[in-house]
Amino acid sequence: MFFTRPQTMYWVYILESQSDKSWYIGYTSNLEKRIKEHKDGLGGKTTKEKGDWEIIYCEGYRDKQDAIGRERFLKSGSGRGFIKKQLKNYLLPFS
């Protein structure tokens, strides 16, 4: 008999401020809790001042290092270009 424990998922996510349309990119193993923390001003100094964050994108990974690598990529110039192409219809009204 084989027993496998539940696999933790790691989420790379993008939040958008509803007031100024700025983005925050991060990763977590508990997406719902982390978004609530950002909205409640407990997300850290980058998101603390704004509580109007909404999730606009996320990706799930089984390996933590894969999620960290993806987060780093999305924060780069090439990564932001990818996001803009990926969300072109969502971002169209803001262009």
C-alpha atoms as a PDB file:
ATOM      1  CA  MET A   1       0.000   0.000   0.000  1.00  0.00           C
ATOM      2  CA  PHE A   2       1.314   3.410  -0.962  1.00  0.00           C
ATOM      3  CA  PHE A   3       0.590   6.523   0.985  1.00  0.00           C
ATOM      4  CA  THR A   4       1.326   9.897  -0.469  1.00  0.00           C
ATOM      5  CA  ARG A   5       0.995  13.030   1.528  1.00  0.00           C
ATOM      6  CA  PRO A   6      -0.731  16.021  -0.024  1.00  0.00           C
ATOM      7  CA  GLN A   7       1.666  18.065  -2.120  1.00  0.00           C
ATOM      8  CA  THR A   8       2.030  21.729  -1.234  1.00  0.00           C
ATOM      9  CA  MET A   9       1.374  24.104  -4.092  1.00  0.00           C
ATOM     10  CA  TYR A  10       3.324  27.330  -4.468  1.00  0.00           C
ATOM     11  CA  TRP A  11       1.591  30.234  -6.147  1.00  0.00           C
ATOM     12  CA  VAL A  12       3.166  33.080  -8.097  1.00  0.00           C
ATOM     13  CA  TYR A  13       0.700  35.937  -8.230  1.00  0.00           C
ATOM     14  CA  ILE A  14       0.244  39.461  -9.456  1.00  0.00           C
ATOM     15  CA  LEU A  15      -1.808  41.984  -7.546  1.00  0.00           C
ATOM     16  CA  GLU A  16      -2.934  45.274  -9.000  1.00  0.00           C
ATOM     17  CA  SER A  17      -3.717  48.380  -6.983  1.00  0.00           C
ATOM     18  CA  GLN A  18      -7.174  49.595  -7.914  1.00  0.00           C
ATOM     19  CA  SER A  19      -6.224  53.189  -7.112  1.00  0.00           C
ATOM     20  CA  ASP A  20      -3.090  53.640  -9.224  1.00  0.00           C
ATOM     21  CA  LYS A  21      -2.886  50.393 -11.270  1.00  0.00           C
ATOM     22  CA  SER A  22       0.580  49.542  -9.893  1.00  0.00           C
ATOM     23  CA  TRP A  23       1.522  45.863  -9.619  1.00  0.00           C
ATOM     24  CA  TYR A  24       2.922  43.674  -6.892  1.00  0.00           C
ATOM     25  CA  ILE A  25       4.431  40.304  -7.839  1.00  0.00           C
ATOM     26  CA  GLY A  26       5.007  37.647  -5.188  1.00  0.00           C
ATOM     27  CA  TYR A  27       4.815  33.968  -4.332  1.00  0.00           C
ATOM     28  CA  THR A  28       3.267  32.013  -1.470  1.00  0.00           C
ATOM     29  CA  SER A  29       2.100  28.562  -0.429  1.00  0.00           C
ATOM     30  CA  ASN A  30      -1.232  29.962   0.815  1.00  0.00           C
ATOM     31  CA  LEU A  31      -2.666  32.273  -1.821  1.00  0.00           C
ATOM     32  CA  GLU A  32      -5.952  33.115  -0.096  1.00  0.00           C
ATOM     33  CA  LYS A  33      -4.246  34.011   3.190  1.00  0.00           C
ATOM     34  CA  ARG A  34      -1.524  36.050   1.487  1.00  0.00           C
ATOM     35  CA  ILE A  35      -3.967  38.132  -0.555  1.00  0.00           C
ATOM     36  CA  LYS A  36      -5.981  38.846   2.593  1.00  0.00           C
ATOM     37  CA  GLU A  37      -2.773  39.984   4.323  1.00  0.00           C
ATOM     38  CA  HIS A  38      -2.037  42.380   1.461  1.00  0.00           C
ATOM     39  CA  LYS A  39      -5.573  43.775   1.560  1.00  0.00           C
ATOM     40  CA  ASP A  40      -5.387  44.180   5.346  1.00  0.00           C
ATOM     41  CA  GLY A  41      -2.093  46.090   5.115  1.00  0.00           C
ATOM     42  CA  LEU A  42      -0.032  43.219   6.532  1.00  0.00           C
ATOM     43  CA  GLY A  43       1.755  42.339   3.304  1.00  0.00           C
ATOM     44  CA  GLY A  44       4.962  44.239   3.923  1.00  0.00           C
ATOM     45  CA  LYS A  45       6.245  47.724   3.194  1.00  0.00           C
ATOM     46  CA  THR A  46       5.633  47.537  -0.568  1.00  0.00           C
ATOM     47  CA  THR A  47       1.901  46.830  -0.246  1.00  0.00           C
ATOM     48  CA  LYS A  48       1.221  48.198   3.233  1.00  0.00           C
ATOM     49  CA  GLU A  49       0.037  51.659   2.187  1.00  0.00           C
ATOM     50  CA  LYS A  50      -2.602  50.413  -0.239  1.00  0.00           C
ATOM     51  CA  GLY A  51      -5.344  48.029   0.791  1.00  0.00           C
ATOM     52  CA  ASP A  52      -7.075  48.038  -2.546  1.00  0.00           C
ATOM     53  CA  TRP A  53      -5.189  45.110  -4.103  1.00  0.00           C
ATOM     54  CA  GLU A  54      -6.937  42.717  -6.474  1.00  0.00           C
ATOM     55  CA  ILE A  55      -5.428  39.565  -7.939  1.00  0.00           C
ATOM     56  CA  ILE A  56      -5.108  39.736 -11.724  1.00  0.00           C
ATOM     57  CA  TYR A  57      -2.901  36.698 -12.423  1.00  0.00           C
ATOM     58  CA  CYS A  58      -1.547  33.550 -10.773  1.00  0.00           C
ATOM     59  CA  GLU A  59       0.357  30.380 -11.631  1.00  0.00           C
ATOM     60  CA  GLY A  60       0.712  27.239  -9.513  1.00  0.00           C
ATOM     61  CA  TYR A  61       3.900  25.214  -8.996  1.00  0.00           C
ATOM     62  CA  ARG A  62       4.670  21.978  -7.112  1.00  0.00           C
ATOM     63  CA  ASP A  63       8.258  22.968  -6.369  1.00  0.00           C
ATOM     64  CA  LYS A  64       9.126  26.034  -4.283  1.00  0.00           C
ATOM     65  CA  GLN A  65      12.304  26.797  -6.242  1.00  0.00           C
ATOM     66  CA  ASP A  66      10.349  26.770  -9.515  1.00  0.00           C
ATOM     67  CA  ALA A  67       7.936  29.338  -8.045  1.00  0.00           C
ATOM     68  CA  ILE A  68      10.794  31.513  -6.798  1.00  0.00           C
ATOM     69  CA  GLY A  69      12.453  31.403 -10.216  1.00  0.00           C
ATOM     70  CA  ARG A  70       9.208  32.331 -11.937  1.00  0.00           C
ATOM     71  CA  GLU A  71       8.626  35.213  -9.518  1.00  0.00           C
ATOM     72  CA  ARG A  72      12.116  36.553 -10.305  1.00  0.00           C
ATOM     73  CA  PHE A  73      11.463  36.268 -14.031  1.00  0.00           C
ATOM     74  CA  LEU A  74       8.115  38.067 -13.827  1.00  0.00           C
ATOM     75  CA  LYS A  75       9.790  40.920 -11.924  1.00  0.00           C
ATOM     76  CA  SER A  76      12.339  41.373 -14.740  1.00  0.00           C
ATOM     77  CA  GLY A  77      11.859  43.475 -17.845  1.00  0.00           C
ATOM     78  CA  SER A  78      11.279  40.386 -19.982  1.00  0.00           C
ATOM     79  CA  GLY A  79       8.836  39.051 -17.404  1.00  0.00           C
ATOM     80  CA  ARG A  80       6.815  42.259 -17.381  1.00  0.00           C
ATOM     81  CA  GLY A  81       6.731  42.074 -21.184  1.00  0.00           C
ATOM     82  CA  PHE A  82       5.390  38.517 -20.873  1.00  0.00           C
ATOM     83  CA  ILE A  83       2.689  39.675 -18.444  1.00  0.00           C
ATOM     84  CA  LYS A  84       1.631  42.489 -20.761  1.00  0.00           C
ATOM     85  CA  LYS A  85       1.270  40.024 -23.650  1.00  0.00           C
ATOM     86  CA  GLN A  86      -0.461  37.427 -21.478  1.00  0.00           C
ATOM     87  CA  LEU A  87      -2.984  39.944 -20.120  1.00  0.00           C
ATOM     88  CA  LYS A  88      -3.353  42.037 -23.272  1.00  0.00           C
ATOM     89  CA  ASN A  89      -7.172  41.948 -23.236  1.00  0.00           C
ATOM     90  CA  TYR A  90      -7.367  42.793 -19.532  1.00  0.00           C
ATOM     91  CA  LEU A  91      -4.891  45.642 -19.933  1.00  0.00           C
ATOM     92  CA  LEU A  92      -6.428  46.999 -23.171  1.00  0.00           C
ATOM     93  CA  PRO A  93      -8.687  49.558 -21.429  1.00  0.00           C
ATOM     94  CA  PHE A  94      -5.620  50.961 -19.618  1.00  0.00           C
ATOM     95  CA  SER A  95      -3.510  51.481 -22.752  1.00  0.00           C
END
